[in-house]
Amino acid sequence: MILGALIAPRMGFLLPESILHSEWFAVLAAFVAVNTLLYLALAIAKLMPKPRPRRGRVVRSETRSIHPDGPV
């Protein structure tokens, strides 16, 4: 029993073939696949720049330059 507990983490966890071919396992695998794609799409969308509405050229009423006599 103790030897099995020491060897199992190195070998990995294996399920019987009957479980891997069951319907509920296929549903679970499909859910995990869709969930992974959703989080991938959200991560890529978060990396993209935010779209900003275009309102034309904005002209300031006052200059913000360090030279107060410069063009507005």
N, C-alpha and C. Protein backbone atom coordinates (compact mmCIF):
# COMPACT_ATOMS: atom_id res chain seq x y z
N MET A 1 0.82 -1.20 0.00
CA MET A 1 0.00 0.00 0.00
C MET A 1 0.87 1.27 0.00
N ILE A 2 1.85 1.29 0.84
CA ILE A 2 2.73 2.46 0.93
C ILE A 2 3.58 2.57 -0.34
N LEU A 3 4.02 1.44 -0.85
CA LEU A 3 4.81 1.46 -2.08
C LEU A 3 3.98 1.99 -3.25
N GLY A 4 2.71 1.61 -3.31
CA GLY A 4 1.83 2.12 -4.36
C GLY A 4 1.62 3.62 -4.26
N ALA A 5 1.55 4.15 -3.05
CA ALA A 5 1.39 5.59 -2.86
C ALA A 5 2.65 6.35 -3.28
N LEU A 6 3.79 5.71 -3.20
CA LEU A 6 5.03 6.37 -3.60
C LEU A 6 5.24 6.30 -5.12
N ILE A 7 4.79 5.24 -5.74
CA ILE A 7 5.01 5.06 -7.17
C ILE A 7 3.95 5.78 -8.00
N ALA A 8 2.72 5.86 -7.52
CA ALA A 8 1.61 6.43 -8.28
C ALA A 8 1.87 7.86 -8.76
N PRO A 9 2.40 8.77 -7.95
CA PRO A 9 2.64 10.13 -8.47
C PRO A 9 3.64 10.18 -9.61
N ARG A 10 4.59 9.27 -9.64
CA ARG A 10 5.57 9.26 -10.72
C ARG A 10 4.97 8.73 -12.01
N MET A 11 4.09 7.74 -11.92
CA MET A 11 3.52 7.11 -13.10
C MET A 11 2.33 7.90 -13.64
N GLY A 12 1.67 8.65 -12.80
CA GLY A 12 0.46 9.36 -13.21
C GLY A 12 -0.77 8.59 -12.78
N PHE A 13 -1.92 9.16 -13.01
CA PHE A 13 -3.17 8.54 -12.59
C PHE A 13 -3.86 7.99 -13.83
N LEU A 14 -4.05 6.70 -13.88
CA LEU A 14 -4.66 6.06 -15.04
C LEU A 14 -6.06 5.59 -14.69
N LEU A 15 -7.00 5.83 -15.60
CA LEU A 15 -8.37 5.37 -15.41
C LEU A 15 -8.61 4.13 -16.25
N PRO A 16 -9.53 3.30 -15.82
CA PRO A 16 -9.87 2.13 -16.65
C PRO A 16 -10.49 2.56 -17.98
N GLU A 17 -10.35 1.73 -18.98
CA GLU A 17 -10.85 2.04 -20.31
C GLU A 17 -12.37 2.18 -20.34
N SER A 18 -13.05 1.46 -19.47
CA SER A 18 -14.52 1.54 -19.42
C SER A 18 -14.98 2.95 -19.02
N ILE A 19 -14.24 3.60 -18.16
CA ILE A 19 -14.59 4.97 -17.75
C ILE A 19 -14.30 5.95 -18.88
N LEU A 20 -13.18 5.74 -19.56
CA LEU A 20 -12.79 6.67 -20.63
C LEU A 20 -13.75 6.64 -21.81
N HIS A 21 -14.46 5.53 -22.01
CA HIS A 21 -15.40 5.41 -23.13
C HIS A 21 -16.84 5.62 -22.69
N SER A 22 -17.08 6.07 -21.47
CA SER A 22 -18.44 6.29 -20.99
C SER A 22 -18.98 7.64 -21.49
N GLU A 23 -20.31 7.77 -21.47
CA GLU A 23 -20.94 8.98 -22.00
C GLU A 23 -20.68 10.19 -21.12
N TRP A 24 -20.72 10.02 -19.80
CA TRP A 24 -20.51 11.16 -18.91
C TRP A 24 -19.09 11.69 -19.02
N PHE A 25 -18.11 10.82 -19.30
CA PHE A 25 -16.74 11.28 -19.46
C PHE A 25 -16.59 12.08 -20.75
N ALA A 26 -17.32 11.69 -21.79
CA ALA A 26 -17.29 12.45 -23.06
C ALA A 26 -17.92 13.83 -22.86
N VAL A 27 -19.00 13.89 -22.08
CA VAL A 27 -19.63 15.19 -21.79
C VAL A 27 -18.68 16.07 -20.99
N LEU A 28 -18.02 15.47 -20.01
CA LEU A 28 -17.06 16.22 -19.21
C LEU A 28 -15.90 16.72 -20.07
N ALA A 29 -15.40 15.89 -20.95
CA ALA A 29 -14.30 16.29 -21.84
C ALA A 29 -14.73 17.42 -22.77
N ALA A 30 -15.97 17.36 -23.27
CA ALA A 30 -16.48 18.42 -24.14
C ALA A 30 -16.61 19.73 -23.36
N PHE A 31 -17.09 19.65 -22.12
CA PHE A 31 -17.22 20.85 -21.28
C PHE A 31 -15.85 21.48 -21.03
N VAL A 32 -14.86 20.67 -20.74
CA VAL A 32 -13.51 21.18 -20.48
C VAL A 32 -12.94 21.82 -21.75
N ALA A 33 -13.21 21.22 -22.91
CA ALA A 33 -12.72 21.78 -24.17
C ALA A 33 -13.36 23.14 -24.46
N VAL A 34 -14.68 23.24 -24.28
CA VAL A 34 -15.36 24.52 -24.53
C VAL A 34 -14.90 25.56 -23.52
N ASN A 35 -14.74 25.17 -22.28
CA ASN A 35 -14.28 26.09 -21.24
C ASN A 35 -12.88 26.61 -21.55
N THR A 36 -12.01 25.75 -22.03
CA THR A 36 -10.65 26.15 -22.39
C THR A 36 -10.67 27.14 -23.54
N LEU A 37 -11.47 26.87 -24.57
CA LEU A 37 -11.56 27.80 -25.70
C LEU A 37 -12.13 29.15 -25.28
N LEU A 38 -13.11 29.14 -24.37
CA LEU A 38 -13.69 30.39 -23.89
C LEU A 38 -12.65 31.23 -23.16
N TYR A 39 -11.90 30.61 -22.26
CA TYR A 39 -10.89 31.37 -21.53
C TYR A 39 -9.74 31.81 -22.44
N LEU A 40 -9.43 31.03 -23.46
CA LEU A 40 -8.42 31.46 -24.43
C LEU A 40 -8.90 32.69 -25.20
N ALA A 41 -10.16 32.69 -25.61
CA ALA A 41 -10.71 33.85 -26.33
C ALA A 41 -10.75 35.08 -25.42
N LEU A 42 -11.10 34.90 -24.16
CA LEU A 42 -11.11 36.04 -23.23
C LEU A 42 -9.70 36.59 -23.00
N ALA A 43 -8.72 35.71 -22.91
CA ALA A 43 -7.34 36.17 -22.71
C ALA A 43 -6.83 36.93 -23.93
N ILE A 44 -7.15 36.44 -25.12
CA ILE A 44 -6.72 37.14 -26.34
C ILE A 44 -7.45 38.48 -26.46
N ALA A 45 -8.74 38.51 -26.12
CA ALA A 45 -9.50 39.77 -26.18
C ALA A 45 -8.96 40.79 -25.19
N LYS A 46 -8.46 40.33 -24.06
CA LYS A 46 -7.91 41.25 -23.07
C LYS A 46 -6.59 41.85 -23.53
N LEU A 47 -5.87 41.15 -24.39
CA LEU A 47 -4.61 41.66 -24.92
C LEU A 47 -4.81 42.70 -26.02
N MET A 48 -5.95 42.68 -26.67
CA MET A 48 -6.22 43.60 -27.78
C MET A 48 -6.50 45.01 -27.25
N PRO A 49 -6.14 46.04 -28.02
CA PRO A 49 -6.46 47.40 -27.58
C PRO A 49 -7.96 47.65 -27.66
N LYS A 50 -8.43 48.51 -26.76
CA LYS A 50 -9.85 48.82 -26.73
C LYS A 50 -10.22 49.71 -27.92
N PRO A 51 -11.33 49.42 -28.57
CA PRO A 51 -11.75 50.30 -29.68
C PRO A 51 -12.26 51.63 -29.13
N ARG A 52 -11.86 52.70 -29.76
CA ARG A 52 -12.28 54.04 -29.32
C ARG A 52 -13.11 54.69 -30.42
N PRO A 53 -14.16 55.37 -30.03
CA PRO A 53 -14.97 56.04 -31.06
C PRO A 53 -14.20 57.19 -31.69
N ARG A 54 -14.36 57.34 -32.99
CA ARG A 54 -13.67 58.40 -33.71
C ARG A 54 -14.60 59.61 -33.81
N ARG A 55 -14.14 60.74 -33.29
CA ARG A 55 -14.95 61.96 -33.30
C ARG A 55 -14.32 63.07 -34.13
N GLY A 56 -13.37 62.76 -34.94
CA GLY A 56 -12.70 63.80 -35.71
C GLY A 56 -11.56 64.41 -34.92
N ARG A 57 -11.04 65.51 -35.43
CA ARG A 57 -9.90 66.17 -34.77
C ARG A 57 -10.41 67.06 -33.66
N VAL A 58 -9.82 66.92 -32.48
CA VAL A 58 -10.19 67.73 -31.32
C VAL A 58 -9.18 68.85 -31.19
N VAL A 59 -9.65 70.10 -31.15
CA VAL A 59 -8.79 71.26 -31.01
C VAL A 59 -8.99 71.83 -29.61
N ARG A 60 -7.90 72.01 -28.89
CA ARG A 60 -7.98 72.53 -27.53
C ARG A 60 -8.19 74.04 -27.56
N SER A 61 -8.91 74.52 -26.56
CA SER A 61 -9.15 75.96 -26.49
C SER A 61 -7.95 76.69 -25.91
N GLU A 62 -7.13 76.00 -25.11
CA GLU A 62 -5.93 76.60 -24.53
C GLU A 62 -4.73 75.75 -24.87
N THR A 63 -3.57 76.40 -24.92
CA THR A 63 -2.36 75.64 -25.18
C THR A 63 -1.91 74.95 -23.91
N ARG A 64 -1.35 73.76 -24.08
CA ARG A 64 -0.83 73.02 -22.92
C ARG A 64 0.68 72.90 -23.03
N SER A 65 1.27 73.75 -23.82
CA SER A 65 2.70 73.72 -24.04
C SER A 65 3.43 74.45 -22.92
N ILE A 66 4.73 74.18 -22.81
CA ILE A 66 5.53 74.93 -21.84
C ILE A 66 5.82 76.33 -22.37
N HIS A 67 5.55 76.54 -23.67
CA HIS A 67 5.71 77.87 -24.26
C HIS A 67 4.31 78.48 -24.39
N PRO A 68 3.95 79.41 -23.51
CA PRO A 68 2.57 79.94 -23.50
C PRO A 68 2.21 80.73 -24.76
N ASP A 69 3.18 81.22 -25.50
CA ASP A 69 2.88 82.00 -26.68
C ASP A 69 2.84 81.14 -27.95
N GLY A 70 2.95 79.81 -27.81
CA GLY A 70 2.96 78.91 -28.95
C GLY A 70 1.57 78.78 -29.56
N PRO A 71 1.46 78.09 -30.70
CA PRO A 71 0.14 77.91 -31.34
C PRO A 71 -0.77 77.04 -30.49
N VAL A 72 -2.05 77.29 -30.63
CA VAL A 72 -3.06 76.56 -29.84
C VAL A 72 -3.28 75.20 -30.43
